[in-house]
Amino acid sequence: MIEELADLWLARRESELRERRGAERQRKAGAGPKYDLVFTDRLLVTLAT
């Protein structure tokens, strides 16, 4: 279940970033700063609160 949600979350996140940039990526995914919390950690924090 987490894998299915993670794929949807990543697709939505990339779409939001694309809209904010107004164009496609100029660098490969993962070339920038790393997230402090990965999707699984974010999901657990959300469910715990």
PDB file of N, CA and C in Angstrom:
ATOM      1  N   MET A   1       0.821  -1.182   0.000  1.00  0.00           N
ATOM      2  CA  MET A   1       0.000   0.000   0.000  1.00  0.00           C
ATOM      3  C   MET A   1       0.878   1.264   0.000  1.00  0.00           C
ATOM      4  N   ILE A   2       1.934   1.249   0.788  1.00  0.00           N
ATOM      5  CA  ILE A   2       2.799   2.427   0.856  1.00  0.00           C
ATOM      6  C   ILE A   2       3.464   2.681  -0.492  1.00  0.00           C
ATOM      7  N   GLU A   3       3.837   1.625  -1.201  1.00  0.00           N
ATOM      8  CA  GLU A   3       4.464   1.804  -2.512  1.00  0.00           C
ATOM      9  C   GLU A   3       3.509   2.482  -3.485  1.00  0.00           C
ATOM     10  N   GLU A   4       2.227   2.079  -3.458  1.00  0.00           N
ATOM     11  CA  GLU A   4       1.238   2.696  -4.339  1.00  0.00           C
ATOM     12  C   GLU A   4       1.069   4.172  -3.998  1.00  0.00           C
ATOM     13  N   LEU A   5       0.966   4.470  -2.715  1.00  0.00           N
ATOM     14  CA  LEU A   5       0.809   5.861  -2.288  1.00  0.00           C
ATOM     15  C   LEU A   5       2.054   6.680  -2.589  1.00  0.00           C
ATOM     16  N   ALA A   6       3.216   6.073  -2.423  1.00  0.00           N
ATOM     17  CA  ALA A   6       4.469   6.789  -2.684  1.00  0.00           C
ATOM     18  C   ALA A   6       4.563   7.198  -4.150  1.00  0.00           C
ATOM     19  N   ASP A   7       4.180   6.298  -5.057  1.00  0.00           N
ATOM     20  CA  ASP A   7       4.222   6.627  -6.483  1.00  0.00           C
ATOM     21  C   ASP A   7       3.295   7.794  -6.799  1.00  0.00           C
ATOM     22  N   LEU A   8       2.086   7.774  -6.232  1.00  0.00           N
ATOM     23  CA  LEU A   8       1.140   8.866  -6.453  1.00  0.00           C
ATOM     24  C   LEU A   8       1.656  10.169  -5.853  1.00  0.00           C
ATOM     25  N   TRP A   9       2.238  10.086  -4.665  1.00  0.00           N
ATOM     26  CA  TRP A   9       2.762  11.278  -3.998  1.00  0.00           C
ATOM     27  C   TRP A   9       3.904  11.888  -4.798  1.00  0.00           C
ATOM     28  N   LEU A  10       4.810  11.040  -5.274  1.00  0.00           N
ATOM     29  CA  LEU A  10       5.943  11.540  -6.053  1.00  0.00           C
ATOM     30  C   LEU A  10       5.485  12.183  -7.364  1.00  0.00           C
ATOM     31  N   ALA A  11       4.490  11.578  -8.014  1.00  0.00           N
ATOM     32  CA  ALA A  11       3.970  12.145  -9.258  1.00  0.00           C
ATOM     33  C   ALA A  11       3.316  13.498  -9.003  1.00  0.00           C
ATOM     34  N   ARG A  12       2.544  13.598  -7.930  1.00  0.00           N
ATOM     35  CA  ARG A  12       1.892  14.862  -7.591  1.00  0.00           C
ATOM     36  C   ARG A  12       2.936  15.922  -7.241  1.00  0.00           C
ATOM     37  N   ARG A  13       3.940  15.527  -6.489  1.00  0.00           N
ATOM     38  CA  ARG A  13       5.002  16.459  -6.086  1.00  0.00           C
ATOM     39  C   ARG A  13       5.752  16.991  -7.304  1.00  0.00           C
ATOM     40  N   GLU A  14       6.086  16.098  -8.232  1.00  0.00           N
ATOM     41  CA  GLU A  14       6.791  16.510  -9.443  1.00  0.00           C
ATOM     42  C   GLU A  14       5.918  17.446 -10.277  1.00  0.00           C
ATOM     43  N   SER A  15       4.618  17.169 -10.337  1.00  0.00           N
ATOM     44  CA  SER A  15       3.691  18.027 -11.069  1.00  0.00           C
ATOM     45  C   SER A  15       3.632  19.423 -10.451  1.00  0.00           C
ATOM     46  N   GLU A  16       3.578  19.489  -9.116  1.00  0.00           N
ATOM     47  CA  GLU A  16       3.571  20.783  -8.429  1.00  0.00           C
ATOM     48  C   GLU A  16       4.852  21.561  -8.719  1.00  0.00           C
ATOM     49  N   LEU A  17       5.976  20.875  -8.681  1.00  0.00           N
ATOM     50  CA  LEU A  17       7.253  21.537  -8.955  1.00  0.00           C
ATOM     51  C   LEU A  17       7.320  22.030 -10.399  1.00  0.00           C
ATOM     52  N   ARG A  18       6.799  21.230 -11.333  1.00  0.00           N
ATOM     53  CA  ARG A  18       6.803  21.616 -12.744  1.00  0.00           C
ATOM     54  C   ARG A  18       5.961  22.877 -12.944  1.00  0.00           C
ATOM     55  N   GLU A  19       4.798  22.932 -12.278  1.00  0.00           N
ATOM     56  CA  GLU A  19       3.954  24.122 -12.385  1.00  0.00           C
ATOM     57  C   GLU A  19       4.656  25.340 -11.793  1.00  0.00           C
ATOM     58  N   ARG A  20       5.326  25.166 -10.673  1.00  0.00           N
ATOM     59  CA  ARG A  20       6.016  26.278 -10.027  1.00  0.00           C
ATOM     60  C   ARG A  20       7.177  26.786 -10.887  1.00  0.00           C
ATOM     61  N   ARG A  21       7.903  25.854 -11.509  1.00  0.00           N
ATOM     62  CA  ARG A  21       9.028  26.242 -12.363  1.00  0.00           C
ATOM     63  C   ARG A  21       8.550  26.834 -13.677  1.00  0.00           C
ATOM     64  N   GLY A  22       7.413  26.346 -14.167  1.00  0.00           N
ATOM     65  CA  GLY A  22       6.908  26.793 -15.456  1.00  0.00           C
ATOM     66  C   GLY A  22       7.556  26.073 -16.627  1.00  0.00           C
ATOM     67  N   ALA A  23       8.322  25.032 -16.357  1.00  0.00           N
ATOM     68  CA  ALA A  23       9.011  24.276 -17.409  1.00  0.00           C
ATOM     69  C   ALA A  23       9.441  22.924 -16.847  1.00  0.00           C
ATOM     70  N   GLU A  24       9.991  22.108 -17.728  1.00  0.00           N
ATOM     71  CA  GLU A  24      10.511  20.815 -17.295  1.00  0.00           C
ATOM     72  C   GLU A  24      11.806  21.020 -16.510  1.00  0.00           C
ATOM     73  N   ARG A  25      12.271  19.957 -15.886  1.00  0.00           N
ATOM     74  CA  ARG A  25      13.526  19.996 -15.128  1.00  0.00           C
ATOM     75  C   ARG A  25      14.701  20.352 -16.025  1.00  0.00           C
ATOM     76  N   GLN A  26      15.672  21.039 -15.455  1.00  0.00           N
ATOM     77  CA  GLN A  26      16.917  21.307 -16.169  1.00  0.00           C
ATOM     78  C   GLN A  26      18.010  20.345 -15.719  1.00  0.00           C
ATOM     79  N   ARG A  27      17.823  19.725 -14.561  1.00  0.00           N
ATOM     80  CA  ARG A  27      18.774  18.743 -14.030  1.00  0.00           C
ATOM     81  C   ARG A  27      18.038  17.442 -13.764  1.00  0.00           C
ATOM     82  N   LYS A  28      18.795  16.381 -13.574  1.00  0.00           N
ATOM     83  CA  LYS A  28      18.200  15.090 -13.241  1.00  0.00           C
ATOM     84  C   LYS A  28      17.526  15.150 -11.877  1.00  0.00           C
ATOM     85  N   ALA A  29      16.508  14.322 -11.698  1.00  0.00           N
ATOM     86  CA  ALA A  29      15.862  14.216 -10.394  1.00  0.00           C
ATOM     87  C   ALA A  29      16.891  13.734  -9.380  1.00  0.00           C
ATOM     88  N   GLY A  30      16.891  14.341  -8.209  1.00  0.00           N
ATOM     89  CA  GLY A  30      17.831  13.956  -7.168  1.00  0.00           C
ATOM     90  C   GLY A  30      19.109  14.776  -7.150  1.00  0.00           C
ATOM     91  N   ALA A  31      19.259  15.703  -8.087  1.00  0.00           N
ATOM     92  CA  ALA A  31      20.479  16.503  -8.140  1.00  0.00           C
ATOM     93  C   ALA A  31      20.481  17.628  -7.114  1.00  0.00           C
ATOM     94  N   GLY A  32      19.316  17.970  -6.597  1.00  0.00           N
ATOM     95  CA  GLY A  32      19.214  19.083  -5.647  1.00  0.00           C
ATOM     96  C   GLY A  32      19.276  18.615  -4.208  1.00  0.00           C
ATOM     97  N   PRO A  33      18.783  19.458  -3.311  1.00  0.00           N
ATOM     98  CA  PRO A  33      18.810  19.113  -1.887  1.00  0.00           C
ATOM     99  C   PRO A  33      17.931  17.903  -1.585  1.00  0.00           C
ATOM    100  N   LYS A  34      18.290  17.181  -0.562  1.00  0.00           N
ATOM    101  CA  LYS A  34      17.546  15.980  -0.173  1.00  0.00           C
ATOM    102  C   LYS A  34      16.444  16.354   0.811  1.00  0.00           C
ATOM    103  N   TYR A  35      15.360  15.600   0.773  1.00  0.00           N
ATOM    104  CA  TYR A  35      14.286  15.795   1.742  1.00  0.00           C
ATOM    105  C   TYR A  35      14.767  15.347   3.109  1.00  0.00           C
ATOM    106  N   ASP A  36      14.352  16.051   4.149  1.00  0.00           N
ATOM    107  CA  ASP A  36      14.666  15.618   5.505  1.00  0.00           C
ATOM    108  C   ASP A  36      13.894  14.344   5.829  1.00  0.00           C
ATOM    109  N   LEU A  37      12.644  14.297   5.390  1.00  0.00           N
ATOM    110  CA  LEU A  37      11.810  13.118   5.612  1.00  0.00           C
ATOM    111  C   LEU A  37      11.384  12.558   4.264  1.00  0.00           C
ATOM    112  N   VAL A  38      11.564  11.267   4.077  1.00  0.00           N
ATOM    113  CA  VAL A  38      11.095  10.627   2.858  1.00  0.00           C
ATOM    114  C   VAL A  38       9.599  10.386   2.988  1.00  0.00           C
ATOM    115  N   PHE A  39       8.955   9.948   1.905  1.00  0.00           N
ATOM    116  CA  PHE A  39       7.504   9.794   1.906  1.00  0.00           C
ATOM    117  C   PHE A  39       7.015   8.915   3.045  1.00  0.00           C
ATOM    118  N   THR A  40       7.667   7.785   3.272  1.00  0.00           N
ATOM    119  CA  THR A  40       7.225   6.861   4.320  1.00  0.00           C
ATOM    120  C   THR A  40       7.232   7.542   5.679  1.00  0.00           C
ATOM    121  N   ASP A  41       8.273   8.301   5.969  1.00  0.00           N
ATOM    122  CA  ASP A  41       8.346   9.028   7.236  1.00  0.00           C
ATOM    123  C   ASP A  41       7.254  10.083   7.329  1.00  0.00           C
ATOM    124  N   ARG A  42       6.993  10.780   6.231  1.00  0.00           N
ATOM    125  CA  ARG A  42       5.939  11.795   6.225  1.00  0.00           C
ATOM    126  C   ARG A  42       4.579  11.152   6.479  1.00  0.00           C
ATOM    127  N   LEU A  43       4.347   9.985   5.885  1.00  0.00           N
ATOM    128  CA  LEU A  43       3.087   9.274   6.085  1.00  0.00           C
ATOM    129  C   LEU A  43       2.926   8.869   7.541  1.00  0.00           C
ATOM    130  N   LEU A  44       3.959   8.338   8.144  1.00  0.00           N
ATOM    131  CA  LEU A  44       3.887   7.930   9.546  1.00  0.00           C
ATOM    132  C   LEU A  44       3.633   9.116  10.468  1.00  0.00           C
ATOM    133  N   VAL A  45       4.261  10.241  10.203  1.00  0.00           N
ATOM    134  CA  VAL A  45       4.035  11.439  11.016  1.00  0.00           C
ATOM    135  C   VAL A  45       2.592  11.903  10.878  1.00  0.00           C
ATOM    136  N   THR A  46       2.063  11.867   9.666  1.00  0.00           N
ATOM    137  CA  THR A  46       0.680  12.285   9.440  1.00  0.00           C
ATOM    138  C   THR A  46      -0.291  11.376  10.172  1.00  0.00           C
ATOM    139  N   LEU A  47      -0.071  10.077  10.115  1.00  0.00           N
ATOM    140  CA  LEU A  47      -0.968   9.129  10.777  1.00  0.00           C
ATOM    141  C   LEU A  47      -0.857   9.212  12.292  1.00  0.00           C
ATOM    142  N   ALA A  48       0.303   9.574  12.795  1.00  0.00           N
ATOM    143  CA  ALA A  48       0.513   9.631  14.242  1.00  0.00           C
ATOM    144  C   ALA A  48      -0.107  10.878  14.868  1.00  0.00           C
ATOM    145  N   THR A  49      -0.319  11.914  14.062  1.00  0.00           N
ATOM    146  CA  THR A  49      -0.870  13.153  14.634  1.00  0.00           C
ATOM    147  C   THR A  49      -2.359  13.219  14.533  1.00  0.00           C
TER     148      THR A  49
END
